[in-house]
Protein backbone atom coordinates (compact mmCIF):
# COMPACT_ATOMS: atom_id res chain seq x y z
CA MET A 1 88.67 51.45 144.48
CA PRO A 2 91.49 52.71 142.26
CA PRO A 3 94.96 51.33 142.90
CA ARG A 4 97.38 53.35 145.05
CA SER A 5 99.65 53.91 142.06
CA ARG A 6 96.86 55.73 140.24
CA ILE A 7 96.06 57.90 143.28
CA LYS A 8 99.73 58.76 143.60
CA SER A 9 99.95 59.54 139.88
CA LYS A 10 96.96 61.86 140.19
CA ARG A 11 98.51 63.68 143.17
CA ASP A 12 101.79 64.06 141.28
CA SER A 13 99.88 65.50 138.33
CA ILE A 14 98.15 68.08 140.54
CA LYS A 15 101.48 68.99 142.13
CA ASP A 16 103.12 69.44 138.73
CA ARG A 17 100.23 71.66 137.64
CA GLU A 18 100.62 73.84 140.73
CA ILE A 19 104.32 74.24 140.04
CA LYS A 20 103.54 75.22 136.46
CA ASP A 21 100.89 77.78 137.53
CA ASN A 22 103.28 79.47 139.94
CA ALA A 23 106.22 79.41 137.59
CA PRO A 24 107.79 82.73 136.61
CA THR A 25 107.06 84.46 133.34
CA VAL A 26 108.47 82.52 130.40
CA SER A 27 110.51 84.09 127.61
CA LEU A 28 108.95 84.16 124.16
CA LEU A 29 112.12 82.72 122.65
CA SER A 30 112.78 79.84 125.03
CA GLU A 31 112.22 76.22 124.04
CA PRO A 32 108.82 74.55 124.59
CA MET A 33 108.40 72.50 127.76
CA VAL A 34 108.95 68.81 127.28
CA GLY A 35 105.60 67.00 127.41
CA ARG A 36 103.98 63.73 126.51
CA ALA A 37 103.56 64.68 122.84
CA TRP A 38 106.59 65.30 120.65
CA THR A 39 106.88 68.80 119.20
CA PRO A 40 109.45 70.39 116.88
CA SER A 41 112.04 72.56 118.59
CA PHE A 42 111.79 76.34 118.40
CA TYR A 43 114.51 76.52 115.75
CA THR A 44 113.01 73.71 113.65
CA ALA A 45 109.57 75.32 113.80
CA PHE A 46 111.06 78.65 112.72
CA LYS A 47 112.73 77.04 109.69
CA ILE A 48 109.47 75.34 108.72
CA LEU A 49 107.48 78.55 108.99
CA LEU A 50 110.10 80.67 107.25
CA SER A 51 110.27 78.25 104.33
CA ALA A 52 106.50 78.44 103.90
CA ARG A 53 106.47 82.24 104.13
CA VAL A 54 109.30 82.70 101.62
CA CYS A 55 107.34 80.51 99.21
CA ALA A 56 104.38 82.86 99.75
CA ALA A 57 106.61 85.89 99.16
CA VAL A 58 107.67 84.52 95.77
CA TRP A 59 104.48 82.84 94.53
CA SER A 60 101.54 84.59 96.19
CA ASN A 61 99.47 86.87 93.97
CA ILE A 62 98.20 90.30 94.94
CA SER A 63 94.54 89.64 95.57
CA ASP A 64 93.39 93.09 96.67
CA CYS A 65 93.67 96.33 94.65
CA ASP A 66 93.72 98.30 97.93
CA GLU A 67 97.09 96.73 98.65
CA VAL A 68 98.45 98.21 95.42
CA TYR A 69 96.88 101.66 95.30
CA ASN A 70 96.84 102.39 99.04
CA TYR A 71 100.27 101.01 99.99
CA TRP A 72 102.59 99.84 97.20
CA GLU A 73 101.91 102.91 95.07
CA PRO A 74 102.36 105.58 97.78
CA MET A 75 105.51 103.81 98.96
CA HIS A 76 106.79 103.81 95.37
CA PHE A 77 106.18 107.56 95.36
CA LEU A 78 108.17 108.01 98.57
CA LEU A 79 111.08 106.07 97.06
CA HIS A 80 110.98 107.21 93.43
CA GLY A 81 108.79 110.33 93.29
CA LYS A 82 106.14 108.66 91.14
CA GLY A 83 103.02 106.71 91.98
CA PHE A 84 99.26 106.76 92.40
CA GLN A 85 97.28 108.01 95.36
CA THR A 86 93.71 107.39 96.46
CA TRP A 87 91.39 109.88 98.13
CA GLU A 88 92.44 108.50 101.53
CA TYR A 89 95.83 110.24 101.11
CA SER A 90 94.34 113.62 100.31
CA PRO A 91 95.12 116.09 103.16
CA LEU A 92 91.41 116.83 103.10
CA TYR A 93 90.68 113.36 104.56
CA ALA A 94 94.07 111.97 105.74
CA ILE A 95 92.85 108.56 106.87
CA ARG A 96 96.05 106.73 105.84
CA SER A 97 99.35 107.02 107.66
CA TYR A 98 102.63 107.97 106.01
CA ALA A 99 104.40 106.81 109.16
CA TYR A 100 103.22 103.29 108.35
CA LEU A 101 104.59 103.67 104.82
CA TRP A 102 107.95 105.01 105.99
CA LEU A 103 108.42 101.98 108.27
CA HIS A 104 108.45 99.91 105.08
CA ALA A 105 110.10 102.42 102.77
CA MET A 106 113.25 102.86 104.87
CA PRO A 107 114.56 99.27 104.57
CA CYS A 108 113.72 99.36 100.85
CA PHE A 109 115.64 102.63 100.46
CA VAL A 110 118.69 101.18 102.22
CA TYR A 111 118.50 98.01 100.12
CA SER A 112 118.29 100.00 96.87
CA LEU A 113 121.08 102.34 97.92
CA ILE A 114 123.52 99.55 98.79
CA LEU A 115 122.78 97.02 96.04
CA GLN A 116 121.51 99.32 93.27
CA SER A 117 118.86 96.73 92.47
CA ASN A 118 115.94 97.14 90.11
CA ARG A 119 112.48 97.87 91.45
CA ILE A 120 111.08 94.38 91.00
CA LEU A 121 113.80 93.05 93.30
CA VAL A 122 112.91 95.76 95.83
CA PHE A 123 109.30 94.55 95.67
CA TYR A 124 110.30 90.97 96.44
CA TYR A 125 112.84 92.09 99.03
CA MET A 126 110.00 93.76 100.91
CA ARG A 127 107.92 90.62 100.64
CA CYS A 128 110.78 88.53 102.04
CA LEU A 129 110.98 90.90 105.01
CA PHE A 130 107.28 90.30 105.56
CA ALA A 131 107.98 86.57 105.45
CA LEU A 132 110.69 86.89 108.11
CA VAL A 133 108.55 89.00 110.45
CA SER A 134 105.58 86.68 110.04
CA ALA A 135 107.66 83.58 110.76
CA LEU A 136 109.15 85.16 113.90
CA CYS A 137 105.74 86.15 115.29
CA GLU A 138 104.23 82.77 114.45
CA VAL A 139 107.03 80.76 116.06
CA CYS A 140 106.64 82.78 119.27
CA PHE A 141 102.92 82.04 119.09
CA TYR A 142 103.65 78.34 118.62
CA ARG A 143 106.01 78.40 121.59
CA ALA A 144 103.34 80.01 123.79
CA VAL A 145 100.60 77.61 122.66
CA CYS A 146 102.78 74.62 123.57
CA GLN A 147 103.33 76.13 127.00
CA HIS A 148 99.74 77.09 127.74
CA PHE A 149 97.57 74.65 125.77
CA GLY A 150 99.87 71.64 125.68
CA ASN A 151 102.18 70.11 123.12
CA ASN A 152 99.45 68.40 121.12
CA VAL A 153 97.59 71.66 120.51
CA GLY A 154 100.94 73.35 119.81
CA ARG A 155 102.05 70.96 117.08
CA LEU A 156 98.59 70.99 115.47
CA THR A 157 98.64 74.79 115.48
CA LEU A 158 102.08 74.76 113.84
CA LEU A 159 100.82 72.46 111.08
CA PHE A 160 97.72 74.59 110.45
CA LEU A 161 99.78 77.81 110.36
CA THR A 162 102.26 76.32 107.92
CA MET A 163 99.86 74.71 105.47
CA SER A 164 96.77 76.92 105.44
CA SER A 165 95.94 78.85 102.30
CA GLY A 166 94.81 81.78 104.42
CA MET A 167 98.23 82.24 106.00
CA PHE A 168 99.85 81.80 102.58
CA VAL A 169 97.85 84.75 101.25
CA SER A 170 97.92 87.02 104.29
CA SER A 171 101.46 86.57 105.63
CA THR A 172 103.24 88.59 102.91
CA ALA A 173 100.53 91.11 102.00
CA PHE A 174 101.39 94.80 102.35
CA LEU A 175 98.29 95.70 104.38
CA PRO A 176 97.63 97.16 107.84
CA SER A 177 95.47 94.13 108.61
CA THR A 178 98.52 91.93 107.99
CA CYS A 179 100.59 94.17 110.27
CA SER A 180 97.89 93.77 112.91
CA MET A 181 97.99 90.02 112.36
CA TYR A 182 101.73 89.96 113.13
CA LEU A 183 101.43 92.07 116.26
CA SER A 184 98.23 90.50 117.58
CA THR A 185 99.88 87.10 117.22
CA LEU A 186 102.85 88.37 119.23
CA ALA A 187 100.50 89.92 121.81
CA PHE A 188 98.63 86.63 122.28
CA ALA A 189 101.92 84.76 122.63
CA ALA A 190 103.06 87.17 125.35
CA TRP A 191 99.66 86.94 127.04
CA PHE A 192 99.73 83.13 127.17
CA LEU A 193 103.19 83.30 128.73
CA LYS A 194 102.12 86.00 131.22
CA ASN A 195 104.33 88.70 129.68
CA TYR A 196 101.59 91.27 130.15
CA GLU A 197 103.70 94.35 129.40
CA VAL A 198 104.71 92.91 126.02
CA ALA A 199 101.10 91.90 125.32
CA VAL A 200 99.79 95.42 125.95
CA PHE A 201 102.61 97.09 124.02
CA ALA A 202 102.17 94.80 120.98
CA THR A 203 98.42 95.43 121.00
CA ALA A 204 99.05 99.18 121.12
CA ILE A 205 101.36 99.03 118.09
CA SER A 206 98.86 96.83 116.26
CA THR A 207 96.11 99.37 116.95
CA LEU A 208 97.93 102.66 116.35
CA VAL A 209 100.37 101.74 113.58
CA GLY A 210 98.45 98.90 111.98
CA TRP A 211 94.67 99.00 112.15
CA PRO A 212 92.67 100.84 114.87
CA PHE A 213 89.98 98.17 114.97
CA ALA A 214 92.57 95.63 116.15
CA ALA A 215 91.97 97.06 119.62
CA VAL A 216 89.01 94.65 119.77
CA LEU A 217 91.48 91.77 120.01
CA GLY A 218 93.04 93.34 123.07
CA LEU A 219 89.82 93.35 125.10
CA PRO A 220 90.27 89.80 126.50
CA ILE A 221 93.83 90.71 127.51
CA ALA A 222 92.57 93.83 129.28
CA TYR A 223 89.83 91.79 130.97
CA ASP A 224 92.37 89.29 132.23
CA ILE A 225 94.75 91.94 133.59
CA LEU A 226 92.13 94.23 135.13
CA LEU A 227 89.49 91.84 136.47
CA LEU A 228 91.12 88.43 136.87
CA LYS A 229 94.68 89.40 137.80
CA LYS A 230 93.54 92.66 139.44
CA GLU A 231 96.56 94.59 138.18
CA PRO A 232 95.06 97.95 137.11
CA MET A 233 98.29 99.91 137.66
CA LEU A 234 100.26 97.56 135.42
CA PHE A 235 97.69 98.00 132.66
CA ILE A 236 97.44 101.77 133.03
CA LYS A 237 101.20 102.38 133.17
CA THR A 238 101.93 100.11 130.21
CA SER A 239 99.08 101.60 128.17
CA LEU A 240 100.14 105.19 128.81
CA ALA A 241 103.79 104.44 128.04
CA SER A 242 102.77 102.66 124.82
CA LEU A 243 100.51 105.54 123.83
CA PHE A 244 103.30 108.07 124.31
CA LEU A 245 106.03 106.03 122.62
CA ILE A 246 103.90 105.21 119.56
CA LEU A 247 101.41 108.03 119.06
CA VAL A 248 103.83 110.97 119.39
CA PRO A 249 106.19 109.94 116.53
CA LEU A 250 103.17 108.80 114.49
CA ILE A 251 101.50 112.22 114.75
CA TYR A 252 104.81 113.97 114.06
CA VAL A 253 105.52 112.09 110.82
CA ASP A 254 101.96 112.29 109.50
CA SER A 255 101.61 115.97 110.35
CA ARG A 256 104.82 116.80 108.46
CA GLN A 257 103.70 114.80 105.44
CA PHE A 258 100.17 116.23 105.29
CA GLY A 259 101.15 119.78 106.30
CA LYS A 260 98.66 119.91 109.18
CA LEU A 261 97.95 118.19 112.48
CA VAL A 262 96.85 114.63 111.68
CA VAL A 263 95.96 111.68 113.90
CA ALA A 264 95.43 109.01 111.23
CA PRO A 265 94.00 106.25 113.51
CA LEU A 266 91.37 108.69 114.78
CA ASN A 267 90.48 109.76 111.24
CA ILE A 268 89.94 106.12 110.21
CA ILE A 269 87.52 105.57 113.08
CA LEU A 270 85.68 108.83 112.43
CA TYR A 271 85.19 108.00 108.76
CA ASN A 272 84.18 104.35 109.18
CA VAL A 273 81.95 104.78 112.22
CA PHE A 274 80.63 108.33 112.34
CA THR A 275 80.05 109.35 108.70
CA SER A 276 76.64 108.94 107.10
CA HIS A 277 77.84 106.42 104.48
CA GLY A 278 80.89 104.95 106.20
CA PRO A 279 82.66 102.26 104.19
CA ASP A 280 79.46 100.84 102.65
CA LEU A 281 79.88 102.58 99.28
CA TYR A 282 81.61 99.48 97.92
CA GLY A 283 82.56 95.97 98.95
CA THR A 284 79.19 95.06 100.43
CA GLU A 285 78.63 91.30 100.61
CA PRO A 286 76.00 88.88 101.98
CA CYS A 287 76.26 87.24 105.41
CA THR A 288 77.68 84.05 103.91
CA PHE A 289 80.79 85.82 102.55
CA TYR A 290 83.05 85.27 105.56
CA PHE A 291 81.90 81.68 106.08
CA LEU A 292 82.74 80.80 102.48
CA ASN A 293 86.02 82.68 102.78
CA GLY A 294 86.90 80.76 105.94
CA ILE A 295 86.20 77.42 104.28
CA LEU A 296 88.28 78.34 101.23
CA ASN A 297 91.25 79.48 103.31
CA PHE A 298 91.10 76.97 106.19
CA ASN A 299 88.62 74.30 105.00
CA ILE A 300 87.83 71.87 107.85
CA VAL A 301 89.99 73.77 110.36
CA PHE A 302 87.63 76.74 110.08
CA LEU A 303 84.63 74.54 110.85
CA ALA A 304 86.47 73.04 113.81
CA ALA A 305 87.46 76.51 115.05
CA LEU A 306 83.82 77.61 115.16
CA VAL A 307 83.00 74.88 117.68
CA SER A 308 86.16 75.11 119.78
CA ILE A 309 84.56 76.64 122.90
CA PRO A 310 81.34 74.55 122.71
CA ALA A 311 83.53 71.44 122.46
CA LEU A 312 85.46 72.52 125.56
CA LEU A 313 82.18 73.01 127.44
CA ILE A 314 81.07 69.49 126.52
CA LEU A 315 84.41 68.10 127.67
CA ARG A 316 84.02 69.99 130.95
CA CYS A 317 80.70 68.23 131.53
CA PHE A 318 82.45 64.85 131.35
CA GLU A 319 85.47 65.91 133.38
CA GLY A 320 83.49 67.50 136.19
CA THR A 321 84.83 70.34 138.32
CA VAL A 322 88.35 71.40 137.41
CA ARG A 323 90.53 73.36 139.78
CA LYS A 324 90.90 76.99 138.64
CA THR A 325 94.35 78.27 137.76
CA PRO A 326 94.38 81.99 138.60
CA LYS A 327 97.96 82.52 137.52
CA SER A 328 97.36 81.67 133.85
CA PRO A 329 94.73 83.06 131.44
CA PRO A 330 91.72 80.69 131.28
CA ILE A 331 91.60 78.57 128.14
CA TYR A 332 88.13 79.82 127.29
CA LEU A 333 89.24 83.44 127.53
CA CYS A 334 92.22 82.72 125.28
CA LEU A 335 89.88 81.57 122.50
CA THR A 336 87.42 84.47 122.78
CA PRO A 337 89.33 86.98 120.54
CA MET A 338 88.34 85.00 117.45
CA TYR A 339 84.66 84.92 118.43
CA LEU A 340 84.74 88.58 119.46
CA TRP A 341 86.18 89.59 116.08
CA MET A 342 83.54 87.57 114.24
CA PHE A 343 80.80 89.10 116.37
CA VAL A 344 81.95 92.61 115.40
CA PHE A 345 82.78 92.12 111.70
CA PHE A 346 80.41 89.44 110.41
CA PRO A 347 77.25 91.61 110.64
CA LEU A 348 78.84 94.61 108.85
CA ALA A 349 77.72 95.17 105.25
CA HIS A 350 81.23 96.04 104.02
CA LYS A 351 83.15 92.77 103.88
CA GLU A 352 86.66 92.15 102.58
CA GLU A 353 88.86 89.07 102.86
CA ARG A 354 91.61 91.12 104.47
CA PHE A 355 89.35 92.09 107.38
CA LEU A 356 89.78 88.59 108.80
CA PHE A 357 93.60 88.57 108.56
CA PRO A 358 94.17 89.57 112.23
CA ILE A 359 92.44 86.40 113.50
CA TYR A 360 93.93 83.91 111.03
CA PRO A 361 96.44 82.56 113.61
CA MET A 362 93.61 82.37 116.16
CA ILE A 363 91.56 80.29 113.71
CA CYS A 364 94.50 77.86 113.58
CA LEU A 365 94.71 77.76 117.37
CA ALA A 366 90.95 77.33 117.82
CA GLY A 367 90.90 74.56 115.22
CA ALA A 368 93.79 72.78 116.95
CA SER A 369 92.07 73.13 120.32
CA ALA A 370 88.86 71.64 118.88
CA VAL A 371 90.73 68.65 117.43
CA ASP A 372 92.51 68.07 120.75
CA THR A 373 89.19 68.31 122.61
CA VAL A 374 87.53 65.79 120.28
CA GLN A 375 90.45 63.41 120.87
CA LYS A 376 89.90 63.67 124.64
CA LEU A 377 86.15 63.17 124.29
CA TYR A 378 86.64 60.14 122.07
CA HIS A 379 89.09 58.70 124.58
CA LYS A 380 86.64 59.17 127.46
CA LEU A 381 83.61 57.82 125.61
CA PHE A 382 84.92 55.03 123.40
CA SER A 383 88.45 54.04 124.42
CA LYS A 384 88.81 50.74 126.24
CA ARG A 385 91.94 51.96 128.02
CA LYS A 386 90.38 54.72 130.12
CA PHE A 387 93.51 55.36 132.16
CA GLY A 388 95.96 55.41 129.27
CA ASP A 389 97.15 58.48 127.44
CA TYR A 390 94.44 59.84 125.15
CA LEU A 391 96.99 60.50 122.38
CA ASP A 392 97.84 56.81 122.05
CA ALA A 393 94.23 55.89 121.44
CA THR A 394 93.23 58.81 119.19
CA SER A 395 96.28 59.58 117.06
CA GLY A 396 94.51 58.14 114.03
CA LEU A 397 91.74 60.74 114.33
CA SER A 398 94.13 63.68 114.33
CA MET A 399 96.26 62.21 111.53
CA ALA A 400 93.22 61.73 109.29
CA PHE A 401 92.03 65.27 110.05
CA CYS A 402 95.46 66.75 109.33
CA ALA A 403 95.86 64.76 106.10
CA LEU A 404 92.51 65.99 104.79
CA PHE A 405 93.35 69.56 105.80
CA CYS A 406 96.77 69.50 104.10
CA ILE A 407 95.39 68.06 100.86
CA ALA A 408 92.61 70.66 100.69
CA SER A 409 94.98 73.51 101.59
CA LEU A 410 97.55 72.55 98.95
CA SER A 411 94.76 72.17 96.42
CA ARG A 412 93.48 75.68 97.19
CA THR A 413 96.94 77.27 97.10
CA ILE A 414 97.77 75.62 93.77
CA ILE A 415 94.56 76.74 92.04
CA VAL A 416 95.01 80.33 93.24
CA TYR A 417 98.54 80.40 91.85
CA ARG A 418 97.85 78.56 88.60
CA GLY A 419 94.60 80.32 87.88
CA TYR A 420 95.44 83.92 88.74
CA ARG A 421 99.21 84.37 88.34
CA ALA A 422 98.92 85.93 84.85
CA PRO A 423 98.69 89.66 85.81
CA ILE A 424 101.85 89.80 87.91
CA GLU A 425 103.85 87.67 85.43
CA THR A 426 102.64 89.76 82.48
CA PHE A 427 103.89 92.97 84.06
CA MET A 428 107.16 91.25 84.95
CA GLN A 429 107.74 90.84 81.19
CA LEU A 430 107.89 94.61 80.70
CA GLY A 431 111.44 94.76 81.99
CA GLN A 432 112.58 92.41 79.24
CA PHE A 433 110.54 94.30 76.63
CA SER A 434 112.10 97.63 77.54
CA LEU A 435 115.63 96.28 76.99
CA GLU A 436 115.23 94.36 73.72
CA GLU A 437 114.79 96.41 70.56
CA SER A 438 113.33 93.42 68.72
CA LEU A 439 110.44 93.45 71.19
CA HIS A 440 110.17 97.16 71.90
CA PRO A 441 111.46 99.41 69.10
CA LEU A 442 111.35 102.68 71.06
CA PRO A 443 114.58 103.88 72.75
CA PRO A 444 114.70 103.74 76.57
CA GLU A 445 114.41 107.52 76.94
CA TYR A 446 111.05 107.66 75.13
CA PRO A 447 108.01 107.82 77.46
CA VAL A 448 105.70 104.83 76.98
CA ASN A 449 102.04 104.59 77.95
CA ILE A 450 100.76 101.19 79.04
CA CYS A 451 96.99 101.20 79.42
CA VAL A 452 94.48 99.11 81.36
CA GLY A 453 90.72 99.12 81.09
CA LYS A 454 88.73 96.55 83.05
CA GLU A 455 92.00 95.11 84.36
CA TRP A 456 92.89 98.26 86.33
CA TYR A 457 92.39 96.50 89.68
CA ARG A 458 94.90 93.74 88.87
CA PHE A 459 97.81 96.12 88.28
CA PRO A 460 100.63 94.87 90.59
CA SER A 461 102.13 98.36 91.20
CA SER A 462 104.64 100.72 89.60
CA PHE A 463 107.49 98.56 90.93
CA PHE A 464 106.90 96.46 87.79
CA LEU A 465 107.09 99.37 85.33
CA PRO A 466 110.40 100.16 83.59
CA ASP A 467 111.76 103.71 83.61
CA ASN A 468 109.72 106.15 81.51
CA TRP A 469 106.76 103.75 81.36
CA ASN A 470 103.48 105.18 82.67
CA LEU A 471 100.20 103.50 83.56
CA LYS A 472 97.07 105.02 82.01
CA PHE A 473 93.40 104.15 82.42
CA LEU A 474 90.93 103.42 79.63
CA LYS A 475 87.20 103.86 80.17
CA SER A 476 85.50 100.60 81.15
CA GLU A 477 82.23 99.50 82.73
CA PHE A 478 83.60 100.43 86.17
CA LYS A 479 81.69 103.48 87.45
CA GLY A 480 83.65 104.27 90.59
CA GLN A 481 86.61 106.55 91.32
CA LEU A 482 90.04 105.50 90.09
CA PRO A 483 93.27 106.59 91.78
CA LYS A 484 95.23 109.60 90.59
CA PRO A 485 99.01 110.17 90.24
CA PHE A 486 100.75 112.23 92.90
CA GLU A 487 101.69 115.73 91.83
CA ASP A 488 105.22 116.21 90.51
CA SER A 489 106.22 118.51 93.36
CA PRO A 490 108.46 118.36 96.45
CA ASN A 491 105.42 118.95 98.67
CA ALA A 492 103.09 116.63 96.75
CA THR A 493 101.77 114.94 99.91
CA ARG A 494 100.53 118.33 101.18
CA ILE A 495 98.66 119.28 98.02
CA ILE A 496 94.90 118.67 98.04
CA PRO A 497 94.26 116.80 94.78
CA THR A 498 91.64 118.19 92.45
CA GLU A 499 88.82 116.04 91.05
CA MET A 500 88.83 113.67 94.02
CA ASN A 501 86.00 112.74 96.40
CA ASP A 502 85.18 110.37 99.26
CA GLN A 503 81.88 109.21 97.75
CA ASN A 504 83.36 106.83 95.17
CA LEU A 505 81.94 109.01 92.40
CA GLU A 506 83.46 108.56 88.95
CA GLU A 507 86.06 111.12 87.89
CA ARG A 508 86.23 111.13 84.10
CA SER A 509 89.53 113.02 84.09
CA ARG A 510 91.29 109.74 84.91
CA TYR A 511 90.80 108.32 81.41
CA VAL A 512 92.91 108.69 78.29
CA ASP A 513 92.02 108.14 74.66
CA ILE A 514 93.18 104.80 73.28
CA LYS A 515 95.26 106.69 70.71
CA ALA A 516 97.63 107.67 73.56
CA CYS A 517 98.36 104.01 74.40
CA ASP A 518 101.45 102.14 73.21
CA TYR A 519 100.55 98.93 75.08
CA ILE A 520 97.38 97.50 76.58
CA VAL A 521 97.12 94.79 79.23
CA ASP A 522 93.78 93.06 78.91
CA SER A 523 91.99 89.77 79.58
CA ASP A 524 90.20 88.31 76.57
CA PHE A 525 86.87 87.26 78.09
CA PRO A 526 84.18 86.25 75.59
CA ASN A 527 81.62 88.64 77.05
CA HIS A 528 82.35 92.17 75.89
CA SER A 529 80.74 95.57 75.40
CA SER A 530 81.44 98.88 73.67
CA LEU A 531 83.38 100.05 76.74
CA GLU A 532 85.17 96.72 77.18
CA PRO A 533 85.90 95.44 73.65
CA ARG A 534 88.10 92.47 72.87
CA TYR A 535 91.24 94.42 72.11
CA SER A 536 93.04 91.24 71.07
CA LYS A 537 90.68 90.99 68.06
CA ASP A 538 91.43 94.54 66.96
CA PRO A 539 93.89 94.59 64.00
CA ASN A 540 95.48 97.74 65.43
CA TRP A 541 96.95 95.67 68.27
CA ASN A 542 99.36 92.74 68.27
CA ILE A 543 99.59 90.11 71.01
CA THR A 544 103.18 90.06 72.23
CA PHE A 545 102.77 88.00 75.40
CA SER A 546 99.96 85.83 76.70
CA LEU A 547 99.18 83.57 79.67
CA PRO A 548 96.09 81.56 80.63
CA PHE A 549 93.78 83.13 83.22
CA LEU A 550 90.99 81.27 85.01
CA ASP A 551 87.49 82.24 83.91
CA SER A 552 85.63 81.72 87.18
CA GLN A 553 82.22 82.52 85.68
CA ARG A 554 82.38 79.66 83.18
CA SER A 555 84.11 77.09 85.40
CA HIS A 556 82.90 74.39 87.76
CA THR A 557 82.24 75.92 91.19
CA LEU A 558 84.18 73.36 93.24
CA LEU A 559 87.01 72.77 90.75
CA ARG A 560 87.72 76.48 90.36
CA ALA A 561 88.06 76.73 94.16
CA PHE A 562 90.25 73.64 94.69
CA TYR A 563 92.70 72.15 92.23
CA VAL A 564 92.10 68.52 91.28
CA PRO A 565 94.60 67.16 88.73
CA TYR A 566 93.07 66.59 85.29
CA PHE A 567 89.50 67.42 86.38
CA THR A 568 90.20 71.11 87.04
CA ASP A 569 91.92 71.52 83.67
CA PHE A 570 89.13 69.60 81.93
CA LEU A 571 86.09 71.21 83.57
CA CYS A 572 87.41 74.76 84.06
CA ASN A 573 87.71 77.40 81.35
CA TYR A 574 90.62 79.73 80.82
CA VAL A 575 90.98 82.93 78.81
CA ASP A 576 94.07 84.65 77.45
CA TYR A 577 95.63 87.38 79.55
CA ASN A 578 97.45 89.47 76.94
CA LEU A 579 100.08 92.13 76.61
CA LEU A 580 99.12 94.00 73.42
CA GLN A 581 101.43 96.25 71.44
CA ARG A 582 100.23 98.89 69.01
CA ALA A 583 100.68 97.54 65.49
CA ASN A 584 102.18 100.79 64.16
CA ILE A 585 104.31 101.58 67.20
CA ARG A 586 107.35 102.09 64.95
CA ASP A 587 105.60 105.03 63.34
CA ARG A 588 105.93 106.87 66.62
CA LEU A 589 109.69 106.49 66.39
CA VAL A 590 109.63 108.04 62.92
CA ARG A 591 107.49 110.96 64.09
CA LYS A 592 109.77 111.59 67.06
CA ARG A 593 112.84 111.71 64.82
CA ARG A 594 111.38 114.40 62.55
CA LYS A 595 112.61 117.88 63.16
CA PRO A 596 110.09 120.18 64.81
CA GLY A 597 108.08 122.14 62.23
CA THR A 598 108.98 120.03 59.15
CA HIS A 599 105.51 118.53 59.01
CA LYS A 600 103.63 121.81 59.29
CA ARG A 601 101.66 123.23 56.42
CA PRO A 602 103.04 126.52 54.96
CA ASN A 603 101.29 129.74 55.86
CA ASN A 604 99.09 131.32 53.19
């Protein structure tokens, strides 16, 4: 028979658990409960997360052209009256929200007005705001995980959030899926801490302002409130209040911008679900796409996350019957949003990396839960000290797992930065070019055309263009529809653009002749065609700036995905990413200085 001390310890443990289950709702900003495992304080965790997110704001590349042409460009138009629009912003379709853009444009406008800063600084100011918001939501999530899952799961989750390549990429992206990631993370934190009103309200903002499909992540919360807690009135009242407070101003702003009644979230659902083609005109990928993406962004944590609930079920078999805790959301239910999201999105033909952003923090939590579960299983099956603390006997397992994860994550983040930083740094050079006559002989008031061909989708936005510089498109092998500049009119957002369609059909009016270009930004890949020549070999163009750019097609598969010192540089190939200047650009200055009519032939 077990000693009395152990029976007493077990009774005390049950009593403590009952006190915890009946405890009042906990604030999102309070300190974690003191437990057996050490965890960083709320403030320390916030500083760790904020440091990581600011690094992402400064060093992360723009990996998705939709981020540029659907968000950075329209916001640039709202601020400066110039920018590109896609067909989604045509009043004919109206599936993007100007209210979402104005939420971001207003702090940028205030910043520019007060500090009179250049546009590149505004770009990075916005990214730093993203970093701050992300860090705040994540630290609340960490606080809630410590409270609900235990300190060991909490500190593992904090490490995975901080170090993962996926969070590095997603946390400062200007995308609705990133906005939904912030708010879903906050909603889960409130849910774990039994702040159900905050959980419902955050989910509503995530769905209506961010991305309508984020409502899927709110289903487990609704299930818990309606069926387990049996609080239908709380859910209905909070949902209706959220709908009124969010949807009314959203419709008002969008309707004023488009010049007609618009419910943008509804339009997105109608297009993606109820049209004959939906989103499958582009971006279709095989079933393995998301699995490979998960391994690249979270490596072994992603694999652990996939087995988090099965591992808990195995542990339950060894533990036997566990007393239910009706006051708190069940652990299994808390992990289901990740599986539910995968169940909905993995089978779809249209796959994009950004579609998984809303569950990135849940992947970290599920991975941490799996590691903690394996530690408990190992303790029960193999530890000689059955009645000791499982953390004392299994700390080596978690430390080895975390070390491998951190090394792989840093390796992935480094290769993404080193290999693909060239486009954004090349366009950053334009500011210096526009100010130095030795580099750019044309006066500042002269309009300059900078052209892109096959590199159109790596353009980092008009925030990187100096005044009087304009982006133009050259014909390339791309056969889809390119974006079009907004009209130069006070009511430009209400004008239905001509030569624009929702079928991704090529519009040849987007292209200019190469004779209209003063500069070209191009990557010098060895494979070329008549539509994508090697402009750097053309004597009519001079290379004025160049950076190495990773050639993924001619590089080792593993070493192009993860950086390994020496081996990546030795076994991977790079090409030149060039800023090309027209060789006779000074002739334009001479032609501009001639008096009108002096070059004309005399009349007969």
